[in-house]
């Protein structure tokens, strides 16, 4: 079974497999992409008690200037 990150986007369920993230992001920083994907899956599961969140509920804070979700597509 393929692992996915599931979110609702204005009521429409999106199931995002890792492979789709690779297609969007590329393989230049595959380790960072892999770690970020797994951490997001883990965090969403813990923070939402298994509930599928609305995409607008997800925010990120990083040490980098600018919008942190630019690269992730979120």
Foldseek 3Di string as FASTA:
>chain_A
DFQFQWAAEVNRIDTHGLVNQCVQQPCPPVVVSVVVRVVVSVCCCVVVVNDHYHPVVDADDDPDPDGPCPRRVD
